[in-house]
Amino acid sequence: MKRVRILLRVSSNQQLDADGDLSVQRQIVQEYVAKHENWKLDTKEYFEGSNSGYKNSVSDRDVLQEALHDAQAGEYDILVAYKDDRIGRRMWEIGAYVMTLKQYGVDIYTVKDGCISPEADDMMGQMMLALRYGNAQKQSADTGMRVKDTAQKLVQNGKFMGGKAPYGYHLELSGEISKHGRALHHLVIVQEEAEVVRYIYTLSLCKEYGSSKIAKILNQHEQYKNMAPNDVWKSGTITSILTNPVYAGYTAYKRRERINGQYHRLGNDEWIIASKANPDITIIDEDTWNLTQDRRRRRSDKYIKTLEHKDGNIIRKNDGMLALIDVLHCGYCGRKMTNGSKYNYWTIKDTGEKRASKIAVYRCQNALAGVPHNKTKQIRADIIEPIVFQALAEYIGKLQENDDIFDEIENNRNLEKKRKQTELNKEKQSLKKLQEKIKIMESKIPDAITGEYPLSLEELMSVINEQKEAAHHQRDIITEKESESQEDSISLDDWKELRSEIPTWQDVFLNADVTTKRVLVNKLIERINVKKDEVVIRFKINLDDFIPQPRKCGDSGVPEPWL
């Protein structure tokens, strides 16, 4: 008697229902086994639930590995499945898996196809096996393409693609029915949660806080700490909220991609996104959302480590009490000043009460490390910061008097943006041609297997892999150029934002907290060199390019830009 075990696999959670695919599949397979007099059904069966046989490799599918291990131990002789695609849908891996089981004396049968395990010396049978799973893989790829194409059209029309509602929304029945008879839902804003979302964006944009610090603030907030989606706020949740375009009213699809069994975030250039915003689901205005993305991108390692930005003033972590920490340099050696703040402690004699105070200080690291430095080693924040803020006020006054500065900046940046967009479009067209070539060559794989194609299968796969490497390199080029293009675009937005805020900036500097001051300083100042009796400020907009008359130090002794 042949010892028989059955393999059941469903591809979705819906098929796990008692009256769904699972129970029907098991019954059909059991009836098929019963028809063979010399087969005896074993008590053990292999079951795999909601795990794609196309997306997941054989090595990552525990059930197949268990069946292989049991075959090595000689526990059974025949493995029966409902259809060949229950084993999988990967041309190379599944064929190799079938032949490996064969080596251990196990044949695979399916209800629909009978025995699919060829003999070790049956070359034609092995070619047909590869062709069988090549076609299965192609069908899955074609189905995936159709699903993505359909999803793209739906998302572009502003439809929600299903799944769990993002934080800030809940799902309500839309009154529409799909072609499969399912009731469709749409997103509806939850106002209490929307308030939290707006607060998160404010902390990210105005304070330039990272996801971890925002999560910490929310977990300490008297009201918001109880409104976390999963009991506690985490940095991953904050990042998801800060990068999801749905909050700007745009439903999106394909924001991540599964590669070798793991999901990877895709760049927003690869997203499928609605063609226009839906005001009914908009929580954050579009300009704020875009500006937030740029602020976050500029703080990333990938951005900062590029040659053109490695020396720029980037706020990595907006914490502490020093507003000039990103731009202040020692005027003697050029080294960036660091936080040298120190505490003083004392005890009141009469009461025994212990007191403490903190003095905010900028310190030169070279001087501290013993580098020859016979000048000032540190400077107190309460001395240098009022000088800088006064210079900023005078500088802002000059900007207010000369609106032409902004007009010229906008014109120049618009021309540069158009040039870079043209280059970007050419690179995208090159990528599209590479992808079309890859698609055509992959469609020829079955012909190569049967020998009906000029190239052998190995030669064809080698060419395909070369084209895929070229496509990967092309994507990197596009990503870099998009980053450059976005840099120009957002820089222009910065100037527009700056222009709208200028009338209130003097009040901001007088009344804002340190983190807000730090953000505003970084918008205007490129570098400050400080000595004991001299402060030199280099602004990001050089007024000498726009205002021809010379400028000297004012009566206060504070030089005008550049200072």
Protein backbone atom coordinates (compact mmCIF):
# COMPACT_ATOMS: atom_id res chain seq x y z
CA MET A 1 0.00 0.00 0.00
CA LYS A 2 1.15 3.53 -0.86
CA ARG A 3 1.12 5.94 2.08
CA VAL A 4 -0.65 9.12 0.98
CA ARG A 5 -0.70 12.60 2.45
CA ILE A 6 -2.66 15.53 1.08
CA LEU A 7 -1.64 19.17 0.61
CA LEU A 8 -4.28 21.89 0.96
CA ARG A 9 -3.57 25.54 0.21
CA VAL A 10 -5.86 28.55 0.07
CA SER A 11 -4.76 31.94 -1.22
CA SER A 12 -7.05 34.22 0.82
CA ASN A 13 -8.60 34.44 4.27
CA GLN A 14 -12.09 34.23 2.78
CA GLN A 15 -11.38 30.67 1.59
CA LEU A 16 -10.77 29.56 5.18
CA ASP A 17 -14.52 29.69 5.90
CA ALA A 18 -16.20 26.39 6.65
CA ASP A 19 -18.35 26.58 3.53
CA GLY A 20 -15.60 28.03 1.35
CA ASP A 21 -12.76 26.67 -0.75
CA LEU A 22 -11.01 24.76 2.05
CA SER A 23 -13.73 22.24 2.93
CA VAL A 24 -14.61 21.67 -0.72
CA GLN A 25 -10.94 21.23 -1.63
CA ARG A 26 -10.39 18.67 1.14
CA GLN A 27 -13.48 16.66 0.17
CA ILE A 28 -12.50 16.50 -3.53
CA VAL A 29 -8.93 15.38 -2.70
CA GLN A 30 -10.14 12.72 -0.25
CA GLU A 31 -12.57 11.33 -2.84
CA TYR A 32 -9.71 11.19 -5.39
CA VAL A 33 -7.52 9.21 -2.96
CA ALA A 34 -10.36 6.78 -2.21
CA LYS A 35 -10.55 5.80 -5.90
CA HIS A 36 -7.08 4.18 -5.72
CA GLU A 37 -7.24 0.76 -4.09
CA ASN A 38 -3.54 0.59 -3.27
CA TRP A 39 -3.47 4.02 -1.62
CA LYS A 40 -3.91 4.54 2.11
CA LEU A 41 -4.63 8.02 3.42
CA ASP A 42 -2.33 9.05 6.25
CA THR A 43 -3.67 10.90 9.27
CA LYS A 44 -1.30 13.83 8.69
CA GLU A 45 -2.12 16.48 6.10
CA TYR A 46 -0.23 19.60 5.07
CA PHE A 47 -2.13 22.85 5.16
CA GLU A 48 -1.07 26.33 4.04
CA GLY A 49 -3.44 29.21 4.57
CA SER A 50 -3.48 32.58 2.84
CA ASN A 51 0.10 32.31 1.55
CA SER A 52 0.77 33.10 -2.10
CA GLY A 53 2.48 30.35 -4.09
CA TYR A 54 3.59 32.99 -6.61
CA LYS A 55 5.04 35.68 -4.38
CA ASN A 56 6.72 33.40 -1.83
CA SER A 57 9.74 31.25 -2.56
CA VAL A 58 9.83 27.53 -1.70
CA SER A 59 12.44 28.15 1.01
CA ASP A 60 10.10 30.61 2.75
CA ARG A 61 7.08 28.28 2.73
CA ASP A 62 7.24 26.27 5.94
CA VAL A 63 4.63 23.74 4.81
CA LEU A 64 6.62 22.71 1.74
CA GLN A 65 9.78 22.47 3.83
CA GLU A 66 7.97 20.26 6.34
CA ALA A 67 6.71 17.99 3.55
CA LEU A 68 10.26 17.75 2.17
CA HIS A 69 11.69 16.92 5.61
CA ASP A 70 9.10 14.16 6.10
CA ALA A 71 9.91 12.79 2.62
CA GLN A 72 13.59 12.62 3.57
CA ALA A 73 12.55 10.60 6.63
CA GLY A 74 10.58 8.18 4.41
CA GLU A 75 7.25 8.88 6.14
CA TYR A 76 5.03 8.77 3.02
CA ASP A 77 5.04 7.85 -0.70
CA ILE A 78 2.53 10.13 -2.44
CA LEU A 79 1.58 13.79 -1.99
CA VAL A 80 -1.84 14.72 -3.43
CA ALA A 81 -3.12 18.26 -4.13
CA TYR A 82 -6.26 19.55 -5.81
CA LYS A 83 -4.42 21.31 -8.68
CA ASP A 84 -0.79 21.82 -9.65
CA ASP A 85 -0.96 25.48 -8.66
CA ARG A 86 -1.57 24.37 -5.04
CA ILE A 87 2.10 23.37 -5.03
CA GLY A 88 3.14 26.78 -6.32
CA ARG A 89 3.50 29.08 -9.31
CA ARG A 90 7.26 29.51 -9.69
CA MET A 91 8.74 27.92 -12.80
CA TRP A 92 12.24 27.10 -11.59
CA GLU A 93 11.66 26.53 -7.89
CA ILE A 94 8.58 24.30 -8.07
CA GLY A 95 10.02 22.10 -10.81
CA ALA A 96 13.16 21.61 -8.71
CA TYR A 97 11.02 20.90 -5.62
CA VAL A 98 9.01 18.21 -7.43
CA MET A 99 12.21 16.51 -8.62
CA THR A 100 13.73 16.70 -5.11
CA LEU A 101 10.72 14.88 -3.63
CA LYS A 102 11.10 12.34 -6.42
CA GLN A 103 14.66 11.66 -5.29
CA TYR A 104 13.28 10.66 -1.88
CA GLY A 105 10.68 8.35 -3.42
CA VAL A 106 7.67 10.71 -3.22
CA ASP A 107 5.46 11.32 -6.29
CA ILE A 108 3.10 14.30 -6.52
CA TYR A 109 -0.42 13.74 -7.88
CA THR A 110 -3.17 16.30 -8.48
CA VAL A 111 -6.88 15.67 -8.90
CA LYS A 112 -6.90 17.56 -12.18
CA ASP A 113 -3.65 16.32 -13.76
CA GLY A 114 -2.73 12.96 -12.23
CA CYS A 115 0.98 12.32 -11.60
CA ILE A 116 3.15 15.34 -12.34
CA SER A 117 6.46 13.83 -11.16
CA PRO A 118 8.59 12.72 -14.16
CA GLU A 119 11.29 10.08 -13.86
CA ALA A 120 14.87 11.23 -13.34
CA ASP A 121 15.84 10.15 -16.90
CA ASP A 122 12.71 11.55 -18.56
CA MET A 123 14.10 14.78 -20.03
CA MET A 124 10.96 15.56 -22.03
CA GLY A 125 8.85 15.07 -18.90
CA GLN A 126 11.08 17.47 -16.96
CA MET A 127 10.82 20.03 -19.76
CA MET A 128 7.04 19.71 -19.65
CA LEU A 129 7.16 20.14 -15.87
CA ALA A 130 9.11 23.39 -16.27
CA LEU A 131 6.68 24.52 -18.97
CA ARG A 132 3.71 23.69 -16.70
CA TYR A 133 4.97 25.97 -13.95
CA GLY A 134 6.26 28.54 -16.42
CA ASN A 135 2.70 28.93 -17.66
CA ALA A 136 1.41 29.02 -14.06
CA GLN A 137 3.88 31.79 -13.21
CA LYS A 138 2.92 33.73 -16.34
CA GLN A 139 -0.80 33.42 -15.49
CA SER A 140 -0.16 34.79 -12.02
CA ALA A 141 1.90 37.63 -13.46
CA ASP A 142 -0.85 38.40 -15.98
CA THR A 143 -3.49 38.31 -13.23
CA GLY A 144 -1.36 40.60 -11.09
CA MET A 145 -1.05 43.00 -14.01
CA ARG A 146 -4.81 43.04 -14.55
CA VAL A 147 -5.41 43.62 -10.84
CA LYS A 148 -2.87 46.46 -10.78
CA ASP A 149 -4.32 48.02 -13.93
CA THR A 150 -7.82 47.87 -12.44
CA ALA A 151 -6.55 49.24 -9.13
CA GLN A 152 -4.77 52.04 -10.95
CA LYS A 153 -7.96 53.15 -12.68
CA LEU A 154 -9.97 52.96 -9.45
CA VAL A 155 -7.37 54.87 -7.42
CA GLN A 156 -6.93 57.49 -10.14
CA ASN A 157 -10.67 58.06 -9.89
CA GLY A 158 -10.33 58.57 -6.15
CA LYS A 159 -11.65 55.18 -5.01
CA PHE A 160 -10.45 53.56 -1.79
CA MET A 161 -8.86 50.17 -2.57
CA GLY A 162 -10.02 48.46 0.60
CA GLY A 163 -8.21 47.19 3.66
CA LYS A 164 -7.98 48.86 7.05
CA ALA A 165 -8.86 52.54 7.24
CA PRO A 166 -5.84 54.79 7.96
CA TYR A 167 -5.71 56.57 11.31
CA GLY A 168 -8.07 59.54 11.22
CA TYR A 169 -10.75 57.73 9.21
CA HIS A 170 -13.32 54.98 9.50
CA LEU A 171 -15.07 52.97 6.81
CA GLU A 172 -18.71 53.40 5.89
CA LEU A 173 -20.79 51.60 3.27
CA SER A 174 -20.75 53.64 0.07
CA GLY A 175 -23.92 52.13 -1.38
CA GLU A 176 -21.96 50.67 -4.32
CA ILE A 177 -21.64 46.98 -5.14
CA SER A 178 -18.62 45.43 -6.88
CA LYS A 179 -18.93 43.11 -9.88
CA HIS A 180 -18.27 40.22 -7.46
CA GLY A 181 -21.29 41.25 -5.38
CA ARG A 182 -19.37 42.76 -2.49
CA ALA A 183 -20.57 45.89 -0.71
CA LEU A 184 -17.99 48.66 -1.15
CA HIS A 185 -16.88 51.14 1.51
CA HIS A 186 -15.47 54.64 1.50
CA LEU A 187 -13.42 56.70 3.96
CA VAL A 188 -15.00 59.12 6.40
CA ILE A 189 -13.00 61.51 8.61
CA VAL A 190 -13.01 60.94 12.38
CA GLN A 191 -12.71 64.51 13.62
CA GLU A 192 -11.10 63.70 16.99
CA GLU A 193 -8.36 61.68 15.31
CA ALA A 194 -7.99 64.27 12.55
CA GLU A 195 -7.06 66.79 15.24
CA VAL A 196 -4.21 64.49 16.31
CA VAL A 197 -3.06 64.12 12.68
CA ARG A 198 -2.88 67.92 12.30
CA TYR A 199 -0.87 68.16 15.53
CA ILE A 200 1.57 65.52 14.23
CA TYR A 201 2.12 67.47 11.01
CA THR A 202 2.62 70.69 12.99
CA LEU A 203 5.33 69.08 15.12
CA SER A 204 7.05 67.67 12.04
CA LEU A 205 6.90 70.81 9.89
CA CYS A 206 7.17 73.68 12.35
CA LYS A 207 9.38 72.03 14.99
CA GLU A 208 11.12 69.61 12.59
CA TYR A 209 10.78 66.80 15.10
CA GLY A 210 11.42 63.21 14.00
CA SER A 211 8.93 60.36 14.31
CA SER A 212 10.40 59.02 17.57
CA LYS A 213 10.20 62.37 19.34
CA ILE A 214 6.65 63.00 18.08
CA ALA A 215 5.62 59.58 19.40
CA LYS A 216 7.17 60.43 22.78
CA ILE A 217 5.32 63.76 22.91
CA LEU A 218 1.99 62.11 22.08
CA ASN A 219 2.52 59.39 24.69
CA GLN A 220 3.04 62.12 27.30
CA HIS A 221 0.09 64.23 26.13
CA GLU A 222 -2.82 64.15 28.57
CA GLN A 223 -5.43 63.64 25.82
CA TYR A 224 -3.61 62.20 22.81
CA LYS A 225 -1.86 59.40 24.71
CA ASN A 226 -5.21 57.59 24.92
CA MET A 227 -5.92 57.97 21.20
CA ALA A 228 -3.12 55.78 19.82
CA PRO A 229 -4.30 53.27 17.18
CA ASN A 230 -2.65 50.33 19.01
CA ASP A 231 -2.60 51.42 22.67
CA VAL A 232 0.71 53.29 22.39
CA TRP A 233 2.21 55.70 19.85
CA LYS A 234 5.23 54.31 17.98
CA SER A 235 7.63 55.94 15.53
CA GLY A 236 6.48 53.60 12.71
CA THR A 237 2.89 54.78 13.16
CA ILE A 238 3.99 58.41 13.01
CA THR A 239 6.07 57.80 9.87
CA SER A 240 3.10 56.12 8.19
CA ILE A 241 0.86 59.10 9.00
CA LEU A 242 3.45 61.63 7.81
CA THR A 243 4.00 59.90 4.45
CA ASN A 244 0.46 58.86 3.49
CA PRO A 245 -0.98 61.15 0.77
CA VAL A 246 -4.52 60.23 1.82
CA TYR A 247 -4.31 63.00 4.44
CA ALA A 248 -3.95 65.51 1.59
CA GLY A 249 -7.03 63.96 -0.06
CA TYR A 250 -5.20 61.63 -2.47
CA THR A 251 -5.90 57.90 -2.30
CA ALA A 252 -2.82 55.91 -3.34
CA TYR A 253 -1.87 52.39 -4.36
CA LYS A 254 1.45 50.55 -4.67
CA ARG A 255 3.20 52.54 -1.94
CA ARG A 256 5.20 49.43 -1.13
CA GLU A 257 6.35 46.34 -3.02
CA ARG A 258 6.99 42.78 -1.97
CA ILE A 259 10.53 41.63 -2.84
CA ASN A 260 11.77 38.20 -1.78
CA GLY A 261 8.98 37.86 0.75
CA GLN A 262 9.50 41.27 2.39
CA TYR A 263 7.74 44.58 1.83
CA HIS A 264 9.80 47.62 0.83
CA ARG A 265 8.61 51.22 0.68
CA LEU A 266 8.61 52.66 -2.84
CA GLY A 267 9.43 56.22 -3.79
CA ASN A 268 6.42 58.44 -4.41
CA ASP A 269 7.35 58.54 -8.11
CA GLU A 270 6.25 54.88 -8.30
CA TRP A 271 2.94 55.35 -6.48
CA ILE A 272 -0.36 55.06 -8.29
CA ILE A 273 -2.22 58.07 -6.96
CA ALA A 274 -5.56 59.77 -7.48
CA SER A 275 -5.60 62.36 -10.25
CA LYS A 276 -7.15 64.97 -7.96
CA ALA A 277 -7.71 65.48 -4.27
CA ASN A 278 -10.97 64.51 -2.63
CA PRO A 279 -11.99 67.37 -0.31
CA ASP A 280 -14.23 65.02 1.69
CA ILE A 281 -11.20 63.12 3.04
CA THR A 282 -8.66 65.98 3.18
CA ILE A 283 -7.21 66.59 6.65
CA ILE A 284 -3.92 68.33 5.71
CA ASP A 285 -3.76 70.90 2.90
CA GLU A 286 -1.64 69.85 -0.08
CA ASP A 287 1.06 72.52 0.32
CA THR A 288 1.62 71.56 3.95
CA TRP A 289 1.80 67.88 3.03
CA ASN A 290 4.37 68.49 0.27
CA LEU A 291 6.48 70.76 2.46
CA THR A 292 6.46 68.16 5.23
CA GLN A 293 7.75 65.51 2.83
CA ASP A 294 10.62 67.77 1.80
CA ARG A 295 11.55 68.63 5.39
CA ARG A 296 11.68 64.94 6.26
CA ARG A 297 13.65 64.07 3.11
CA ARG A 298 16.26 66.72 3.88
CA ARG A 299 16.86 65.24 7.31
CA SER A 300 17.42 61.73 5.92
CA ASP A 301 20.88 60.17 5.74
CA LYS A 302 20.51 59.56 2.00
CA TYR A 303 20.05 63.29 1.41
CA ILE A 304 22.67 64.56 3.84
CA LYS A 305 25.41 62.17 2.72
CA THR A 306 25.30 63.35 -0.88
CA LEU A 307 28.31 65.47 -1.80
CA GLU A 308 26.30 68.61 -2.51
CA HIS A 309 24.52 68.57 0.86
CA LYS A 310 27.12 67.09 3.24
CA ASP A 311 28.09 70.52 4.58
CA GLY A 312 24.59 72.01 4.60
CA ASN A 313 22.63 73.14 7.64
CA ILE A 314 20.28 70.22 8.26
CA ILE A 315 18.30 69.84 11.47
CA ARG A 316 18.74 66.14 12.36
CA LYS A 317 17.26 66.33 15.82
CA ASN A 318 15.55 69.48 17.03
CA ASP A 319 16.16 69.33 20.74
CA GLY A 320 17.91 71.35 23.42
CA MET A 321 18.03 75.08 24.05
CA LEU A 322 20.43 76.45 21.41
CA ALA A 323 18.75 78.08 18.42
CA LEU A 324 21.99 78.67 16.43
CA ILE A 325 23.51 75.20 16.89
CA ASP A 326 23.34 74.29 13.16
CA VAL A 327 24.96 77.43 11.78
CA LEU A 328 27.36 78.80 14.40
CA HIS A 329 31.12 78.32 13.79
CA CYS A 330 34.25 79.39 15.64
CA GLY A 331 35.62 82.52 13.96
CA TYR A 332 39.21 81.55 14.75
CA CYS A 333 39.47 77.94 13.56
CA GLY A 334 36.21 77.45 11.57
CA ARG A 335 35.04 74.45 13.63
CA LYS A 336 31.27 74.19 14.17
CA MET A 337 30.32 75.19 17.71
CA THR A 338 28.68 72.51 19.87
CA ASN A 339 26.49 72.48 22.94
CA GLY A 340 28.61 73.39 25.95
CA SER A 341 25.74 74.19 28.32
CA LYS A 342 26.47 73.61 31.99
CA TYR A 343 24.61 73.46 35.28
CA ASN A 344 25.23 75.41 38.48
CA TYR A 345 24.08 73.95 41.81
CA TRP A 346 23.76 75.62 45.21
CA THR A 347 22.00 75.30 48.54
CA ILE A 348 20.15 78.04 50.41
CA LYS A 349 21.72 78.19 53.87
CA ASP A 350 18.66 79.26 55.82
CA THR A 351 16.28 76.62 54.45
CA GLY A 352 18.61 73.93 53.10
CA GLU A 353 16.71 74.04 49.82
CA LYS A 354 18.76 72.85 46.82
CA ARG A 355 18.68 74.94 43.65
CA ALA A 356 20.04 74.51 40.12
CA SER A 357 20.35 76.67 37.02
CA LYS A 358 21.49 75.96 33.47
CA ILE A 359 23.68 78.31 31.43
CA ALA A 360 23.34 77.82 27.67
CA VAL A 361 26.79 77.97 26.05
CA TYR A 362 28.21 77.39 22.55
CA ARG A 363 31.64 75.76 22.70
CA CYS A 364 34.49 75.22 20.20
CA GLN A 365 35.49 71.55 20.15
CA ASN A 366 39.01 72.27 18.83
CA ALA A 367 39.79 74.52 21.79
CA LEU A 368 38.39 71.92 24.19
CA ALA A 369 40.50 69.17 22.57
CA GLY A 370 43.72 71.12 23.11
CA VAL A 371 44.24 72.40 19.59
CA PRO A 372 46.32 75.66 19.76
CA HIS A 373 43.59 78.18 20.32
CA ASN A 374 44.58 81.22 22.38
CA LYS A 375 41.34 83.07 21.75
CA THR A 376 37.78 82.70 23.01
CA LYS A 377 36.83 79.03 23.51
CA GLN A 378 33.13 79.48 24.17
CA ILE A 379 30.36 82.06 24.11
CA ARG A 380 27.16 82.31 26.09
CA ALA A 381 23.88 81.98 24.22
CA ASP A 382 22.38 85.00 25.97
CA ILE A 383 25.17 87.13 24.46
CA ILE A 384 25.36 85.89 20.86
CA GLU A 385 21.68 85.15 20.18
CA PRO A 386 20.32 88.70 20.75
CA ILE A 387 23.00 90.01 18.34
CA VAL A 388 22.00 87.53 15.66
CA PHE A 389 18.28 88.11 16.14
CA GLN A 390 18.79 91.87 15.85
CA ALA A 391 20.72 91.35 12.60
CA LEU A 392 17.89 89.14 11.36
CA ALA A 393 15.36 91.86 12.09
CA GLU A 394 17.38 94.37 10.02
CA TYR A 395 17.86 91.83 7.25
CA ILE A 396 14.14 91.07 7.16
CA GLY A 397 13.44 94.77 6.90
CA LYS A 398 15.60 94.94 3.76
CA LEU A 399 13.71 91.97 2.29
CA GLN A 400 10.41 93.72 2.95
CA GLU A 401 11.62 96.79 1.08
CA ASN A 402 12.63 94.83 -2.04
CA ASP A 403 9.90 92.59 -3.43
CA ASP A 404 11.88 92.24 -6.68
CA ILE A 405 14.25 89.87 -4.86
CA PHE A 406 11.57 87.20 -4.64
CA ASP A 407 10.37 87.73 -8.20
CA GLU A 408 13.87 87.22 -9.57
CA ILE A 409 14.46 84.16 -7.40
CA GLU A 410 11.20 82.64 -8.63
CA ASN A 411 12.02 83.30 -12.29
CA ASN A 412 15.50 81.80 -12.05
CA ARG A 413 14.36 78.73 -10.18
CA ASN A 414 11.43 78.14 -12.54
CA LEU A 415 13.79 78.08 -15.54
CA GLU A 416 16.12 75.63 -13.79
CA LYS A 417 13.18 73.48 -12.74
CA LYS A 418 11.94 73.21 -16.35
CA ARG A 419 15.39 72.18 -17.56
CA LYS A 420 15.71 69.44 -14.97
CA GLN A 421 12.17 68.22 -15.63
CA THR A 422 13.06 67.76 -19.31
CA GLU A 423 16.10 65.66 -18.34
CA LEU A 424 13.96 63.65 -15.92
CA ASN A 425 11.37 62.87 -18.60
CA LYS A 426 14.12 61.53 -20.90
CA GLU A 427 15.41 59.21 -18.18
CA LYS A 428 11.88 57.95 -17.46
CA GLN A 429 11.36 57.22 -21.15
CA SER A 430 14.60 55.18 -21.17
CA LEU A 431 13.35 53.18 -18.17
CA LYS A 432 10.04 52.52 -19.87
CA LYS A 433 11.82 51.11 -22.93
CA LEU A 434 13.90 48.81 -20.71
CA GLN A 435 10.80 47.55 -18.92
CA GLU A 436 9.08 46.83 -22.25
CA LYS A 437 12.12 44.84 -23.42
CA ILE A 438 12.11 42.80 -20.21
CA LYS A 439 8.40 42.06 -20.55
CA ILE A 440 8.82 40.87 -24.15
CA MET A 441 11.79 38.64 -23.29
CA GLU A 442 9.99 37.09 -20.29
CA SER A 443 7.09 36.17 -22.57
CA LYS A 444 9.56 34.12 -24.64
CA ILE A 445 10.64 31.89 -21.74
CA PRO A 446 8.19 29.04 -22.62
CA ASP A 447 9.53 29.06 -26.22
CA ALA A 448 13.10 28.88 -24.92
CA ILE A 449 12.19 25.90 -22.75
CA THR A 450 10.84 23.95 -25.74
CA GLY A 451 13.73 25.01 -27.99
CA GLU A 452 11.56 27.18 -30.27
CA TYR A 453 13.48 30.37 -29.51
CA PRO A 454 16.87 31.36 -31.04
CA LEU A 455 18.46 31.66 -27.57
CA SER A 456 18.75 28.83 -25.06
CA LEU A 457 16.92 29.24 -21.77
CA GLU A 458 20.19 30.03 -19.94
CA GLU A 459 21.17 32.64 -22.54
CA LEU A 460 17.73 34.24 -22.44
CA MET A 461 17.72 34.41 -18.61
CA SER A 462 21.20 35.96 -18.69
CA VAL A 463 20.02 38.70 -21.06
CA ILE A 464 16.89 39.29 -18.94
CA ASN A 465 19.00 39.66 -15.79
CA GLU A 466 21.30 42.14 -17.53
CA GLN A 467 18.30 44.21 -18.60
CA LYS A 468 16.90 44.10 -15.06
CA GLU A 469 20.21 45.38 -13.68
CA ALA A 470 20.15 48.17 -16.25
CA ALA A 471 16.57 49.01 -15.23
CA HIS A 472 17.59 49.08 -11.56
CA HIS A 473 20.45 51.46 -12.37
CA GLN A 474 18.07 53.61 -14.40
CA ARG A 475 15.68 53.84 -11.43
CA ASP A 476 18.55 55.12 -9.28
CA ILE A 477 19.27 57.82 -11.88
CA ILE A 478 15.61 58.82 -11.93
CA THR A 479 15.43 58.91 -8.12
CA GLU A 480 18.45 61.23 -7.98
CA LYS A 481 17.10 63.56 -10.65
CA GLU A 482 13.68 63.64 -8.98
CA SER A 483 15.39 64.56 -5.75
CA GLU A 484 17.18 67.42 -7.52
CA SER A 485 13.96 68.55 -9.17
CA GLN A 486 12.05 68.42 -5.91
CA GLU A 487 14.86 70.32 -4.22
CA ASP A 488 14.40 73.20 -6.66
CA SER A 489 10.63 73.07 -6.32
CA ILE A 490 10.59 73.03 -2.55
CA SER A 491 13.25 75.72 -2.33
CA LEU A 492 10.95 77.95 -4.33
CA ASP A 493 8.12 77.03 -1.96
CA ASP A 494 10.40 77.96 0.93
CA TRP A 495 10.87 81.47 -0.46
CA LYS A 496 7.13 81.85 -1.02
CA GLU A 497 6.46 80.70 2.52
CA LEU A 498 9.17 83.01 3.80
CA ARG A 499 7.67 85.93 1.93
CA SER A 500 4.23 85.34 3.43
CA GLU A 501 5.65 85.04 6.95
CA ILE A 502 8.02 88.03 6.91
CA PRO A 503 5.60 90.63 8.39
CA THR A 504 5.32 88.57 11.59
CA TRP A 505 8.88 87.33 11.95
CA GLN A 506 10.03 89.93 14.45
CA ASP A 507 7.19 88.90 16.74
CA VAL A 508 8.10 85.26 16.19
CA PHE A 509 11.69 85.80 17.31
CA LEU A 510 10.55 87.64 20.40
CA ASN A 511 7.90 85.13 21.46
CA ALA A 512 8.66 81.72 19.90
CA ASP A 513 10.20 78.78 21.73
CA VAL A 514 13.76 77.66 20.98
CA THR A 515 12.81 74.86 18.57
CA THR A 516 10.75 77.22 16.41
CA LYS A 517 13.54 79.82 16.42
CA ARG A 518 15.99 77.16 15.31
CA VAL A 519 13.81 76.24 12.33
CA LEU A 520 13.40 79.88 11.27
CA VAL A 521 17.13 80.62 11.65
CA ASN A 522 17.91 77.69 9.34
CA LYS A 523 15.58 79.09 6.68
CA LEU A 524 17.50 82.36 6.47
CA ILE A 525 21.09 81.81 7.60
CA GLU A 526 23.76 79.71 5.90
CA ARG A 527 26.64 80.27 8.36
CA ILE A 528 27.74 82.40 11.32
CA ASN A 529 31.39 82.94 12.32
CA VAL A 530 31.81 84.29 15.83
CA LYS A 531 34.83 85.83 17.56
CA LYS A 532 35.14 87.65 20.86
CA ASP A 533 34.45 91.04 19.29
CA GLU A 534 33.04 90.18 15.87
CA VAL A 535 30.07 88.32 14.40
CA VAL A 536 29.93 87.48 10.68
CA ILE A 537 26.64 86.20 9.25
CA ARG A 538 26.20 84.77 5.78
CA PHE A 539 22.57 84.80 4.68
CA LYS A 540 21.04 82.45 2.12
CA ILE A 541 19.86 85.38 0.00
CA ASN A 542 22.75 87.75 -0.66
CA LEU A 543 21.20 91.21 -0.77
CA ASP A 544 24.29 92.55 -2.56
CA ASP A 545 23.02 90.77 -5.68
CA PHE A 546 19.83 92.81 -5.61
CA ILE A 547 20.61 96.04 -3.73
CA PRO A 548 23.55 97.92 -5.29
CA GLN A 549 24.17 100.56 -2.60
CA PRO A 550 26.89 99.79 0.01
CA ARG A 551 25.90 99.02 3.57
CA LYS A 552 27.92 99.57 6.75
CA CYS A 553 27.54 98.72 10.39
CA GLY A 554 24.69 100.45 12.12
CA ASP A 555 24.94 102.57 15.26
CA SER A 556 24.48 99.48 17.38
CA GLY A 557 27.78 98.07 16.07
CA VAL A 558 25.98 95.15 14.47
CA PRO A 559 27.01 94.90 10.80
CA GLU A 560 24.37 94.53 8.11
CA PRO A 561 24.26 91.44 5.87
CA TRP A 562 26.56 90.05 5.17
CA LEU A 563 27.69 90.62 8.75
